[in-house]
């Protein structure tokens, strides 16, 4: 039985269940296009059957590298941007990486995982290097090309730090390259230096790569069970492949409901979570849907909030702002720890009425109260309940969102598997920086924004 249940009951004040179910044939046809590779972007559909194609040899090679990392380093730096880091970070932090910085390696039983190359922050990079200088570390460098500006820039500094400290030969044992199987500058460097290498499949785009070594290697090195994670994804792969009705396929229901709302004028989807651990699930989801759907003047804008925290900042806008948004709420029903506030003499904070109640029960009542308020305020709500956060449930959730994204993108009439708009800023940045090959555009751009040498 699935760990995930999706309910659309709280959108039916705004759009009828019949209107959603009327999209079932269209959604099912889009799912078929994913399976038979007849739709747009069909050369990037390797993720569709990825969970079931992962072999024991694949697991063994990843776990061998992860074992070396766990045995030999205090810190693992995952270097990548977009899908090259968000998936790994989402799973690692969901499973409990929030306060590992305060623990010793013995208490953690695995390296602390930090991230680089996801920004061009000079202070961030300098502070990271300072933190690493007194600790043993290794690097997982993730890039198909090896020339993506943000991770390539960070990797220059990390590689130098390793080589200065350990020497070139020993440093090479601490660098793991996740890259193209045959080409690119990172592939060439890895071959020449002898780095341990893992392949990003040609037919899997970055934002769908969490179940490749891009995500699995850092997750395994952080001490989590990648076989169970993949088992969860396999279960959802099987469930969605075998069912083309909304009642039995949560990915299909999700895609149909959000497109039905979009066609009614709801242009913004807020993914709301009630667990701090899954903040980066939201960040991963934002990239997955934003980069996949935002094309040709179309797309549901993906936003995210952490609740109840953001009820004290974004709550007013959600409650009373322009009625062009809907919410999908993720709620974890069972948590791993038990905390009850008890009673305090005199009840100075007026919380004694919560005696005997768990914090998660308080959280659930906050979720229910917020849903009622937002629905009354004109915000359709879908509820995605997860039994508990573990590797299996996360595997199910990841694949459900991926499958829903592919179906939803096709329903929107776009190619969900390219990202032509992302290249625009890169061309401008390279021209402004004077990168070779961009000279023709340099003067025109500098004139437009009055940049001088």
Foldseek 3Di string as FASTA:
>chain_A
DALKDKDQVQQCVPPNPVLLQVCLVLLLVLLVCLVVVVDPLSLQSCLLCVLVPQDPVQVVLLLVLLVCQFVFWQEEEEFDEFLLPLLQLLQLLLVPLPPCVVDGSVVQSFHRYHYFLHDPDPVVLVVVLVVPLVTGYAYEQEDAACVPPRRVVSVVVVLVSLCVVPNLLVNLARYEYEYAPPDHPSVVVCVVSVHHYFYDDPNHDSLSRCLGCSNPNSNVRSPADSNLLSVLLVVLSVQQVVDSGVVRHVLSSVLSVVVSLVVVQQQEEEEEEADPSNPSVLVSLQSLQCQQAPDPPHGRHYHYDYPPVCCVPCVVCLQANDQNHAYEYEYAQDEDDWDFPDDDPPCPVVCNVRHPPTPSVVSVVVVVVSSVSSSVSNHRYMYMYGHYDGSSNNSNVSNSSNSSSSSNNVVRVHRRRDRVVVVVVVLLVCLCVVPPPNVVCNVVSCVVVVDDD
